[in-house]
Amino acid sequence: MDASEAREHLELVERIIAQSAQRLHVGAEFFLVWGLFGATCDGLFTAAESGSISTGVTLVAYAVLLLAAVAFSVLRARYYRECGERMSLLQREYLNVLWLTIALATVATFTTFNIFSSVVARGSLWSFAEAIVLFYVGMHGNRRAQIGGIVILASLIAANFVPFPGAGWILAAGVLLGYAGFGAAELIARE
């Protein structure tokens, strides 16, 4: 075997190892942005339902924040794609769990509005979905994700025993501390 064949074999082995990596790399900035979005929306809709701000202002703010979060996600995903790094099988599995959880929460939010008719009920659906994603990341050894999931679950339990509008604010705090907090902690840990 000559030197060029040996390099090709080493590159092949490196690609195989990279694809089978067991460490789950998550986009911390996505958790931060979407956690801030979710907490802000919980707060906006709680304030609107309690009469503190108008529904029109809430819907406009929601639309602007949603477009900003989506634009960030698209631009950031493009950046990752341009870096040319291949995803491991675990990364692909994580993304499948993430998209499945988001899709189910979206369907439940928009199609079961008679069952989940209040702001708190719809917010709790999203908190539950976010907890699933965090615990999935935590299952792969990320203690910060486990703590974030526990914070969100604790906020769900606490909100259950507090009347409106306090329950909505507790859910917002849980998303802020659990989901966005996880993203911030991961970004700080990288540096």
N, C-alpha and C. Protein backbone atom coordinates (compact mmCIF):
# COMPACT_ATOMS: atom_id res chain seq x y z
N MET A 1 0.86 -1.17 0.00
CA MET A 1 0.00 0.00 0.00
C MET A 1 0.90 1.23 0.00
N ASP A 2 0.63 2.15 -0.91
CA ASP A 2 1.43 3.37 -0.96
C ASP A 2 0.81 4.45 -0.08
N ALA A 3 1.47 5.59 -0.02
CA ALA A 3 1.06 6.67 0.90
C ALA A 3 -0.33 7.21 0.56
N SER A 4 -0.65 7.35 -0.73
CA SER A 4 -1.96 7.91 -1.10
C SER A 4 -3.10 6.95 -0.74
N GLU A 5 -2.87 5.64 -0.91
CA GLU A 5 -3.89 4.66 -0.51
C GLU A 5 -4.08 4.66 1.00
N ALA A 6 -2.99 4.79 1.74
CA ALA A 6 -3.07 4.84 3.20
C ALA A 6 -3.87 6.06 3.66
N ARG A 7 -3.62 7.22 3.02
CA ARG A 7 -4.38 8.43 3.36
C ARG A 7 -5.86 8.24 3.07
N GLU A 8 -6.20 7.61 1.94
CA GLU A 8 -7.60 7.36 1.60
C GLU A 8 -8.26 6.47 2.64
N HIS A 9 -7.55 5.44 3.08
CA HIS A 9 -8.09 4.55 4.10
C HIS A 9 -8.30 5.28 5.42
N LEU A 10 -7.33 6.11 5.80
CA LEU A 10 -7.47 6.88 7.04
C LEU A 10 -8.64 7.84 6.96
N GLU A 11 -8.82 8.50 5.81
CA GLU A 11 -9.95 9.41 5.64
C GLU A 11 -11.27 8.66 5.73
N LEU A 12 -11.32 7.46 5.16
CA LEU A 12 -12.52 6.64 5.23
C LEU A 12 -12.83 6.26 6.68
N VAL A 13 -11.82 5.86 7.42
CA VAL A 13 -12.00 5.50 8.82
C VAL A 13 -12.47 6.72 9.62
N GLU A 14 -11.89 7.88 9.38
CA GLU A 14 -12.30 9.10 10.07
C GLU A 14 -13.76 9.43 9.78
N ARG A 15 -14.21 9.27 8.54
CA ARG A 15 -15.62 9.53 8.20
C ARG A 15 -16.54 8.55 8.90
N ILE A 16 -16.15 7.30 8.96
CA ILE A 16 -16.97 6.29 9.64
C ILE A 16 -17.07 6.60 11.13
N ILE A 17 -15.96 6.95 11.75
CA ILE A 17 -15.97 7.29 13.17
C ILE A 17 -16.82 8.53 13.41
N ALA A 18 -16.70 9.54 12.56
CA ALA A 18 -17.49 10.77 12.73
C ALA A 18 -18.98 10.48 12.62
N GLN A 19 -19.36 9.58 11.73
CA GLN A 19 -20.78 9.28 11.54
C GLN A 19 -21.35 8.45 12.68
N SER A 20 -20.50 7.73 13.39
CA SER A 20 -21.00 6.89 14.47
C SER A 20 -20.72 7.48 15.85
N ALA A 21 -20.39 8.75 15.91
CA ALA A 21 -20.08 9.39 17.18
C ALA A 21 -21.27 9.30 18.14
N GLN A 22 -20.97 9.09 19.40
CA GLN A 22 -22.02 8.96 20.41
C GLN A 22 -22.30 10.27 21.13
N ARG A 23 -21.46 11.27 20.93
CA ARG A 23 -21.71 12.56 21.56
C ARG A 23 -22.68 13.33 20.68
N LEU A 24 -23.71 13.85 21.31
CA LEU A 24 -24.74 14.59 20.59
C LEU A 24 -24.41 16.06 20.62
N HIS A 25 -24.09 16.62 19.46
CA HIS A 25 -23.82 18.04 19.34
C HIS A 25 -25.12 18.74 18.98
N VAL A 26 -25.55 19.63 19.84
CA VAL A 26 -26.79 20.36 19.59
C VAL A 26 -26.45 21.80 19.27
N GLY A 27 -27.30 22.44 18.51
CA GLY A 27 -27.13 23.84 18.20
C GLY A 27 -27.62 24.69 19.36
N ALA A 28 -26.74 25.03 20.26
CA ALA A 28 -27.12 25.76 21.48
C ALA A 28 -27.83 27.06 21.14
N GLU A 29 -27.38 27.71 20.07
CA GLU A 29 -28.00 28.99 19.71
C GLU A 29 -29.46 28.82 19.31
N PHE A 30 -29.82 27.65 18.77
CA PHE A 30 -31.22 27.39 18.42
C PHE A 30 -32.07 27.29 19.69
N PHE A 31 -31.54 26.62 20.71
CA PHE A 31 -32.26 26.51 21.98
C PHE A 31 -32.44 27.88 22.61
N LEU A 32 -31.41 28.71 22.54
CA LEU A 32 -31.49 30.05 23.10
C LEU A 32 -32.55 30.88 22.38
N VAL A 33 -32.48 30.92 21.06
CA VAL A 33 -33.42 31.73 20.28
C VAL A 33 -34.85 31.24 20.44
N TRP A 34 -35.07 29.94 20.29
CA TRP A 34 -36.43 29.41 20.38
C TRP A 34 -36.94 29.41 21.81
N GLY A 35 -36.06 29.30 22.78
CA GLY A 35 -36.47 29.42 24.18
C GLY A 35 -36.92 30.84 24.50
N LEU A 36 -36.16 31.83 24.02
CA LEU A 36 -36.57 33.22 24.20
C LEU A 36 -37.89 33.50 23.48
N PHE A 37 -38.04 32.95 22.28
CA PHE A 37 -39.29 33.09 21.54
C PHE A 37 -40.45 32.49 22.32
N GLY A 38 -40.29 31.26 22.79
CA GLY A 38 -41.37 30.57 23.51
C GLY A 38 -41.75 31.28 24.80
N ALA A 39 -40.75 31.71 25.56
CA ALA A 39 -41.04 32.40 26.82
C ALA A 39 -41.73 33.73 26.56
N THR A 40 -41.28 34.45 25.55
CA THR A 40 -41.90 35.73 25.21
C THR A 40 -43.34 35.52 24.76
N CYS A 41 -43.58 34.50 23.95
CA CYS A 41 -44.94 34.22 23.49
C CYS A 41 -45.85 33.81 24.65
N ASP A 42 -45.35 32.98 25.55
CA ASP A 42 -46.14 32.63 26.74
C ASP A 42 -46.53 33.89 27.50
N GLY A 43 -45.56 34.79 27.67
CA GLY A 43 -45.82 36.04 28.37
C GLY A 43 -46.79 36.94 27.62
N LEU A 44 -46.59 37.08 26.30
CA LEU A 44 -47.48 37.92 25.48
C LEU A 44 -48.92 37.42 25.53
N PHE A 45 -49.11 36.13 25.32
CA PHE A 45 -50.47 35.59 25.29
C PHE A 45 -51.11 35.61 26.68
N THR A 46 -50.31 35.44 27.71
CA THR A 46 -50.85 35.54 29.07
C THR A 46 -51.30 36.98 29.34
N ALA A 47 -50.47 37.94 28.95
CA ALA A 47 -50.83 39.35 29.14
C ALA A 47 -52.07 39.71 28.32
N ALA A 48 -52.17 39.19 27.11
CA ALA A 48 -53.34 39.49 26.27
C ALA A 48 -54.61 38.88 26.85
N GLU A 49 -54.52 37.64 27.30
CA GLU A 49 -55.71 36.98 27.84
C GLU A 49 -56.16 37.61 29.16
N SER A 50 -55.22 38.17 29.90
CA SER A 50 -55.59 38.83 31.15
C SER A 50 -55.99 40.28 30.94
N GLY A 51 -55.88 40.78 29.69
CA GLY A 51 -56.32 42.13 29.37
C GLY A 51 -55.26 43.20 29.53
N SER A 52 -54.02 42.83 29.81
CA SER A 52 -52.94 43.81 30.00
C SER A 52 -52.51 44.47 28.70
N ILE A 53 -52.54 43.71 27.60
CA ILE A 53 -52.24 44.27 26.28
C ILE A 53 -53.29 43.77 25.30
N SER A 54 -53.41 44.46 24.19
CA SER A 54 -54.44 44.09 23.22
C SER A 54 -54.04 42.84 22.44
N THR A 55 -55.04 42.14 21.97
CA THR A 55 -54.80 40.94 21.18
C THR A 55 -54.10 41.29 19.87
N GLY A 56 -54.45 42.43 19.28
CA GLY A 56 -53.82 42.85 18.03
C GLY A 56 -52.32 43.06 18.18
N VAL A 57 -51.93 43.74 19.25
CA VAL A 57 -50.50 43.97 19.52
C VAL A 57 -49.81 42.63 19.73
N THR A 58 -50.47 41.73 20.45
CA THR A 58 -49.91 40.41 20.73
C THR A 58 -49.68 39.64 19.44
N LEU A 59 -50.66 39.64 18.54
CA LEU A 59 -50.53 38.89 17.29
C LEU A 59 -49.45 39.47 16.39
N VAL A 60 -49.35 40.80 16.33
CA VAL A 60 -48.29 41.42 15.52
C VAL A 60 -46.92 41.08 16.10
N ALA A 61 -46.78 41.20 17.42
CA ALA A 61 -45.51 40.87 18.07
C ALA A 61 -45.16 39.41 17.84
N TYR A 62 -46.16 38.53 17.97
CA TYR A 62 -45.94 37.11 17.74
C TYR A 62 -45.44 36.86 16.32
N ALA A 63 -46.09 37.48 15.33
CA ALA A 63 -45.69 37.28 13.93
C ALA A 63 -44.26 37.76 13.68
N VAL A 64 -43.92 38.93 14.23
CA VAL A 64 -42.57 39.47 14.04
C VAL A 64 -41.53 38.57 14.70
N LEU A 65 -41.81 38.14 15.92
CA LEU A 65 -40.88 37.26 16.64
C LEU A 65 -40.73 35.91 15.95
N LEU A 66 -41.83 35.36 15.46
CA LEU A 66 -41.78 34.09 14.75
C LEU A 66 -40.95 34.20 13.48
N LEU A 67 -41.18 35.26 12.70
CA LEU A 67 -40.39 35.46 11.48
C LEU A 67 -38.90 35.63 11.80
N ALA A 68 -38.60 36.35 12.87
CA ALA A 68 -37.20 36.53 13.26
C ALA A 68 -36.56 35.21 13.66
N ALA A 69 -37.27 34.40 14.44
CA ALA A 69 -36.73 33.10 14.88
C ALA A 69 -36.55 32.17 13.69
N VAL A 70 -37.51 32.14 12.78
CA VAL A 70 -37.39 31.29 11.60
C VAL A 70 -36.24 31.76 10.71
N ALA A 71 -36.13 33.08 10.51
CA ALA A 71 -35.04 33.61 9.69
C ALA A 71 -33.69 33.25 10.30
N PHE A 72 -33.56 33.41 11.61
CA PHE A 72 -32.32 33.03 12.28
C PHE A 72 -32.01 31.56 12.04
N SER A 73 -33.02 30.71 12.21
CA SER A 73 -32.82 29.26 12.06
C SER A 73 -32.39 28.90 10.64
N VAL A 74 -33.02 29.51 9.65
CA VAL A 74 -32.67 29.22 8.26
C VAL A 74 -31.24 29.68 7.96
N LEU A 75 -30.91 30.89 8.38
CA LEU A 75 -29.56 31.40 8.12
C LEU A 75 -28.50 30.59 8.85
N ARG A 76 -28.79 30.21 10.08
CA ARG A 76 -27.82 29.42 10.85
C ARG A 76 -27.66 28.02 10.26
N ALA A 77 -28.76 27.43 9.82
CA ALA A 77 -28.69 26.10 9.20
C ALA A 77 -27.87 26.16 7.91
N ARG A 78 -28.05 27.23 7.16
CA ARG A 78 -27.24 27.40 5.94
C ARG A 78 -25.76 27.48 6.28
N TYR A 79 -25.45 28.21 7.34
CA TYR A 79 -24.06 28.33 7.77
C TYR A 79 -23.49 26.97 8.11
N TYR A 80 -24.25 26.17 8.86
CA TYR A 80 -23.78 24.83 9.21
C TYR A 80 -23.58 23.98 7.97
N ARG A 81 -24.48 24.08 7.03
CA ARG A 81 -24.39 23.30 5.80
C ARG A 81 -23.16 23.71 5.00
N GLU A 82 -22.86 25.02 4.98
CA GLU A 82 -21.70 25.51 4.24
C GLU A 82 -20.39 25.05 4.87
N CYS A 83 -20.41 24.82 6.18
CA CYS A 83 -19.21 24.32 6.86
C CYS A 83 -18.83 22.94 6.35
N GLY A 84 -19.81 22.24 5.81
CA GLY A 84 -19.55 20.96 5.18
C GLY A 84 -19.35 19.80 6.12
N GLU A 85 -19.65 19.97 7.39
CA GLU A 85 -19.50 18.86 8.31
C GLU A 85 -20.62 17.85 8.10
N ARG A 86 -20.25 16.60 8.08
CA ARG A 86 -21.26 15.54 7.94
C ARG A 86 -21.87 15.26 9.31
N MET A 87 -23.16 14.95 9.30
CA MET A 87 -23.84 14.64 10.55
C MET A 87 -23.66 13.17 10.89
N SER A 88 -23.55 12.91 12.18
CA SER A 88 -23.49 11.53 12.62
C SER A 88 -24.90 10.94 12.59
N LEU A 89 -24.98 9.62 12.74
CA LEU A 89 -26.29 8.98 12.80
C LEU A 89 -27.07 9.49 14.01
N LEU A 90 -26.37 9.74 15.12
CA LEU A 90 -27.01 10.26 16.31
C LEU A 90 -27.57 11.65 16.06
N GLN A 91 -26.83 12.48 15.32
CA GLN A 91 -27.32 13.82 14.97
C GLN A 91 -28.61 13.72 14.16
N ARG A 92 -28.63 12.82 13.20
CA ARG A 92 -29.83 12.66 12.38
C ARG A 92 -31.00 12.17 13.22
N GLU A 93 -30.74 11.26 14.13
CA GLU A 93 -31.79 10.76 15.02
C GLU A 93 -32.31 11.89 15.91
N TYR A 94 -31.42 12.71 16.43
CA TYR A 94 -31.82 13.85 17.25
C TYR A 94 -32.72 14.79 16.45
N LEU A 95 -32.33 15.11 15.23
CA LEU A 95 -33.15 16.01 14.40
C LEU A 95 -34.52 15.39 14.11
N ASN A 96 -34.57 14.09 13.91
CA ASN A 96 -35.86 13.43 13.71
C ASN A 96 -36.75 13.55 14.94
N VAL A 97 -36.17 13.36 16.12
CA VAL A 97 -36.94 13.51 17.37
C VAL A 97 -37.40 14.96 17.52
N LEU A 98 -36.52 15.89 17.24
CA LEU A 98 -36.85 17.31 17.35
C LEU A 98 -38.01 17.67 16.43
N TRP A 99 -37.90 17.32 15.15
CA TRP A 99 -38.96 17.69 14.19
C TRP A 99 -40.26 16.95 14.48
N LEU A 100 -40.19 15.71 14.90
CA LEU A 100 -41.40 14.98 15.25
C LEU A 100 -42.11 15.62 16.45
N THR A 101 -41.35 16.01 17.45
CA THR A 101 -41.92 16.64 18.64
C THR A 101 -42.54 17.98 18.29
N ILE A 102 -41.84 18.78 17.50
CA ILE A 102 -42.38 20.09 17.08
C ILE A 102 -43.64 19.90 16.25
N ALA A 103 -43.61 18.95 15.34
CA ALA A 103 -44.78 18.71 14.48
C ALA A 103 -46.00 18.29 15.31
N LEU A 104 -45.81 17.38 16.24
CA LEU A 104 -46.93 16.94 17.08
C LEU A 104 -47.46 18.07 17.95
N ALA A 105 -46.59 18.87 18.52
CA ALA A 105 -47.04 20.00 19.33
C ALA A 105 -47.78 21.03 18.48
N THR A 106 -47.32 21.25 17.27
CA THR A 106 -48.00 22.19 16.37
C THR A 106 -49.38 21.68 15.99
N VAL A 107 -49.46 20.42 15.62
CA VAL A 107 -50.76 19.83 15.27
C VAL A 107 -51.71 19.90 16.46
N ALA A 108 -51.22 19.54 17.64
CA ALA A 108 -52.08 19.58 18.83
C ALA A 108 -52.54 21.00 19.14
N THR A 109 -51.65 21.96 18.98
CA THR A 109 -52.00 23.35 19.28
C THR A 109 -53.10 23.87 18.35
N PHE A 110 -53.00 23.55 17.06
CA PHE A 110 -53.94 24.13 16.10
C PHE A 110 -55.17 23.28 15.82
N THR A 111 -55.14 22.00 16.16
CA THR A 111 -56.29 21.16 15.83
C THR A 111 -57.12 20.74 17.05
N THR A 112 -56.58 20.93 18.23
CA THR A 112 -57.33 20.54 19.43
C THR A 112 -57.63 21.76 20.29
N PHE A 113 -58.01 22.85 19.63
CA PHE A 113 -58.24 24.11 20.34
C PHE A 113 -59.43 24.05 21.30
N ASN A 114 -60.34 23.11 21.12
CA ASN A 114 -61.43 22.95 22.09
C ASN A 114 -60.96 22.23 23.35
N ILE A 115 -60.01 21.34 23.19
CA ILE A 115 -59.46 20.63 24.34
C ILE A 115 -58.45 21.52 25.08
N PHE A 116 -57.57 22.13 24.31
CA PHE A 116 -56.56 23.02 24.87
C PHE A 116 -56.95 24.46 24.54
N SER A 117 -58.01 24.93 25.17
CA SER A 117 -58.60 26.22 24.78
C SER A 117 -57.96 27.42 25.45
N SER A 118 -57.27 27.23 26.54
CA SER A 118 -56.69 28.39 27.22
C SER A 118 -55.23 28.59 26.82
N VAL A 119 -54.75 29.77 27.09
CA VAL A 119 -53.35 30.10 26.84
C VAL A 119 -52.44 29.17 27.64
N VAL A 120 -52.81 28.90 28.85
CA VAL A 120 -51.99 28.05 29.72
C VAL A 120 -51.94 26.63 29.16
N ALA A 121 -53.06 26.12 28.67
CA ALA A 121 -53.08 24.77 28.12
C ALA A 121 -52.20 24.67 26.88
N ARG A 122 -52.29 25.65 25.99
CA ARG A 122 -51.46 25.61 24.78
C ARG A 122 -49.99 25.80 25.14
N GLY A 123 -49.70 26.67 26.09
CA GLY A 123 -48.32 26.86 26.54
C GLY A 123 -47.75 25.59 27.17
N SER A 124 -48.61 24.87 27.88
CA SER A 124 -48.13 23.64 28.52
C SER A 124 -47.80 22.56 27.49
N LEU A 125 -48.54 22.55 26.36
CA LEU A 125 -48.19 21.61 25.28
C LEU A 125 -46.77 21.85 24.80
N TRP A 126 -46.45 23.11 24.58
CA TRP A 126 -45.10 23.43 24.10
C TRP A 126 -44.05 23.17 25.16
N SER A 127 -44.37 23.45 26.41
CA SER A 127 -43.42 23.16 27.48
C SER A 127 -43.13 21.66 27.55
N PHE A 128 -44.17 20.88 27.40
CA PHE A 128 -44.00 19.42 27.42
C PHE A 128 -43.12 18.96 26.25
N ALA A 129 -43.37 19.52 25.05
CA ALA A 129 -42.56 19.17 23.88
C ALA A 129 -41.10 19.57 24.09
N GLU A 130 -40.88 20.75 24.67
CA GLU A 130 -39.51 21.20 24.92
C GLU A 130 -38.82 20.31 25.94
N ALA A 131 -39.56 19.86 26.94
CA ALA A 131 -38.99 18.95 27.93
C ALA A 131 -38.57 17.63 27.28
N ILE A 132 -39.37 17.12 26.35
CA ILE A 132 -39.01 15.88 25.64
C ILE A 132 -37.68 16.06 24.91
N VAL A 133 -37.54 17.17 24.19
CA VAL A 133 -36.30 17.41 23.44
C VAL A 133 -35.12 17.51 24.39
N LEU A 134 -35.28 18.24 25.48
CA LEU A 134 -34.17 18.38 26.44
C LEU A 134 -33.80 17.04 27.07
N PHE A 135 -34.79 16.25 27.44
CA PHE A 135 -34.49 14.95 28.04
C PHE A 135 -33.85 14.00 27.03
N TYR A 136 -34.21 14.13 25.75
CA TYR A 136 -33.55 13.32 24.73
C TYR A 136 -32.06 13.68 24.66
N VAL A 137 -31.78 14.97 24.64
CA VAL A 137 -30.38 15.41 24.63
C VAL A 137 -29.69 14.94 25.92
N GLY A 138 -30.40 15.03 27.04
CA GLY A 138 -29.86 14.61 28.32
C GLY A 138 -29.57 13.12 28.38
N MET A 139 -30.36 12.32 27.66
CA MET A 139 -30.12 10.87 27.64
C MET A 139 -28.76 10.52 27.07
N HIS A 140 -28.19 11.44 26.32
CA HIS A 140 -26.89 11.21 25.71
C HIS A 140 -25.77 11.88 26.49
N GLY A 141 -26.02 12.07 27.78
CA GLY A 141 -24.96 12.51 28.68
C GLY A 141 -24.86 14.00 28.94
N ASN A 142 -25.79 14.79 28.47
CA ASN A 142 -25.69 16.23 28.68
C ASN A 142 -26.48 16.60 29.95
N ARG A 143 -25.76 16.86 31.02
CA ARG A 143 -26.40 17.17 32.31
C ARG A 143 -27.13 18.51 32.27
N ARG A 144 -26.62 19.46 31.52
CA ARG A 144 -27.31 20.75 31.43
C ARG A 144 -28.68 20.58 30.79
N ALA A 145 -28.79 19.69 29.81
CA ALA A 145 -30.09 19.41 29.20
C ALA A 145 -31.02 18.74 30.19
N GLN A 146 -30.49 17.83 31.00
CA GLN A 146 -31.31 17.18 32.02
C GLN A 146 -31.85 18.21 33.01
N ILE A 147 -31.00 19.13 33.43
CA ILE A 147 -31.44 20.18 34.35
C ILE A 147 -32.50 21.06 33.70
N GLY A 148 -32.30 21.43 32.43
CA GLY A 148 -33.29 22.23 31.72
C GLY A 148 -34.63 21.52 31.63
N GLY A 149 -34.61 20.23 31.35
CA GLY A 149 -35.85 19.45 31.29
C GLY A 149 -36.54 19.40 32.64
N ILE A 150 -35.77 19.25 33.70
CA ILE A 150 -36.33 19.22 35.05
C ILE A 150 -36.96 20.58 35.39
N VAL A 151 -36.31 21.66 35.00
CA VAL A 151 -36.86 23.00 35.24
C VAL A 151 -38.20 23.16 34.54
N ILE A 152 -38.28 22.72 33.28
CA ILE A 152 -39.55 22.85 32.55
C ILE A 152 -40.63 21.98 33.18
N LEU A 153 -40.29 20.75 33.56
CA LEU A 153 -41.28 19.90 34.22
C LEU A 153 -41.74 20.50 35.55
N ALA A 154 -40.81 21.07 36.29
CA ALA A 154 -41.18 21.71 37.56
C ALA A 154 -42.12 22.89 37.31
N SER A 155 -41.88 23.64 36.24
CA SER A 155 -42.77 24.77 35.95
C SER A 155 -44.16 24.28 35.54
N LEU A 156 -44.23 23.16 34.83
CA LEU A 156 -45.53 22.58 34.49
C LEU A 156 -46.30 22.17 35.74
N ILE A 157 -45.61 21.53 36.65
CA ILE A 157 -46.26 21.08 37.89
C ILE A 157 -46.69 22.29 38.72
N ALA A 158 -45.80 23.27 38.86
CA ALA A 158 -46.14 24.46 39.64
C ALA A 158 -47.30 25.22 39.02
N ALA A 159 -47.30 25.37 37.69
CA ALA A 159 -48.37 26.10 37.00
C ALA A 159 -49.72 25.42 37.21
N ASN A 160 -49.70 24.13 37.39
CA ASN A 160 -50.93 23.37 37.60
C ASN A 160 -51.67 23.81 38.87
N PHE A 161 -50.93 24.30 39.85
CA PHE A 161 -51.52 24.65 41.14
C PHE A 161 -51.71 26.16 41.34
N VAL A 162 -51.45 26.94 40.31
CA VAL A 162 -51.57 28.40 40.41
C VAL A 162 -52.65 28.88 39.44
N PRO A 163 -53.56 29.74 39.90
CA PRO A 163 -54.60 30.23 38.99
C PRO A 163 -54.03 31.18 37.93
N PHE A 164 -54.80 31.36 36.87
CA PHE A 164 -54.43 32.29 35.81
C PHE A 164 -54.47 33.70 36.37
N PRO A 165 -53.59 34.58 36.03
CA PRO A 165 -52.55 34.53 35.02
C PRO A 165 -51.20 34.02 35.53
N GLY A 166 -51.11 33.73 36.83
CA GLY A 166 -49.84 33.27 37.39
C GLY A 166 -49.31 32.03 36.71
N ALA A 167 -50.21 31.11 36.32
CA ALA A 167 -49.78 29.87 35.66
C ALA A 167 -49.07 30.16 34.35
N GLY A 168 -49.57 31.13 33.59
CA GLY A 168 -48.93 31.49 32.32
C GLY A 168 -47.53 32.05 32.52
N TRP A 169 -47.38 32.88 33.58
CA TRP A 169 -46.06 33.45 33.86
C TRP A 169 -45.09 32.38 34.35
N ILE A 170 -45.59 31.40 35.08
CA ILE A 170 -44.73 30.30 35.54
C ILE A 170 -44.24 29.47 34.35
N LEU A 171 -45.14 29.19 33.40
CA LEU A 171 -44.73 28.46 32.19
C LEU A 171 -43.69 29.25 31.41
N ALA A 172 -43.90 30.57 31.28
CA ALA A 172 -42.93 31.41 30.57
C ALA A 172 -41.57 31.36 31.26
N ALA A 173 -41.57 31.42 32.58
CA ALA A 173 -40.30 31.36 33.32
C ALA A 173 -39.63 30.00 33.14
N GLY A 174 -40.43 28.93 33.11
CA GLY A 174 -39.87 27.60 32.91
C GLY A 174 -39.19 27.46 31.56
N VAL A 175 -39.82 28.00 30.53
CA VAL A 175 -39.22 27.94 29.18
C VAL A 175 -37.97 28.81 29.13
N LEU A 176 -38.05 29.99 29.74
CA LEU A 176 -36.90 30.89 29.74
C LEU A 176 -35.70 30.25 30.45
N LEU A 177 -35.94 29.73 31.64
CA LEU A 177 -34.84 29.14 32.41
C LEU A 177 -34.42 27.77 31.89
N GLY A 178 -35.40 26.95 31.48
CA GLY A 178 -35.09 25.59 31.07
C GLY A 178 -34.57 25.48 29.65
N TYR A 179 -35.28 26.05 28.69
CA TYR A 179 -34.93 25.88 27.28
C TYR A 179 -33.89 26.92 26.84
N ALA A 180 -34.22 28.20 27.02
CA ALA A 180 -33.25 29.24 26.66
C ALA A 180 -32.03 29.16 27.58
N GLY A 181 -32.26 28.84 28.85
CA GLY A 181 -31.14 28.70 29.79
C GLY A 181 -30.18 27.59 29.38
N PHE A 182 -30.74 26.48 28.89
CA PHE A 182 -29.88 25.41 28.40
C PHE A 182 -29.03 25.91 27.23
N GLY A 183 -29.66 26.61 26.28
CA GLY A 183 -28.91 27.14 25.14
C GLY A 183 -27.81 28.08 25.57
N ALA A 184 -28.10 28.98 26.51
CA ALA A 184 -27.09 29.91 27.01
C ALA A 184 -25.97 29.16 27.71
N ALA A 185 -26.31 28.18 28.53
CA ALA A 185 -25.29 27.40 29.25
C ALA A 185 -24.38 26.66 28.28
N GLU A 186 -24.97 26.10 27.21
CA GLU A 186 -24.16 25.40 26.21
C GLU A 186 -23.23 26.36 25.48
N LEU A 187 -23.72 27.57 25.16
CA LEU A 187 -22.85 28.55 24.49
C LEU A 187 -21.71 28.98 25.39
N ILE A 188 -22.00 29.17 26.67
CA ILE A 188 -20.96 29.56 27.63
C ILE A 188 -19.95 28.43 27.79
N ALA A 189 -20.42 27.20 27.84
CA ALA A 189 -19.54 26.05 28.03
C ALA A 189 -18.60 25.84 26.84
N ARG A 190 -19.03 26.24 25.65
CA ARG A 190 -18.18 26.10 24.45
C ARG A 190 -16.93 26.94 24.54
N GLU A 191 -17.05 28.09 25.19
CA GLU A 191 -15.94 29.04 25.21
C GLU A 191 -14.96 28.78 26.27
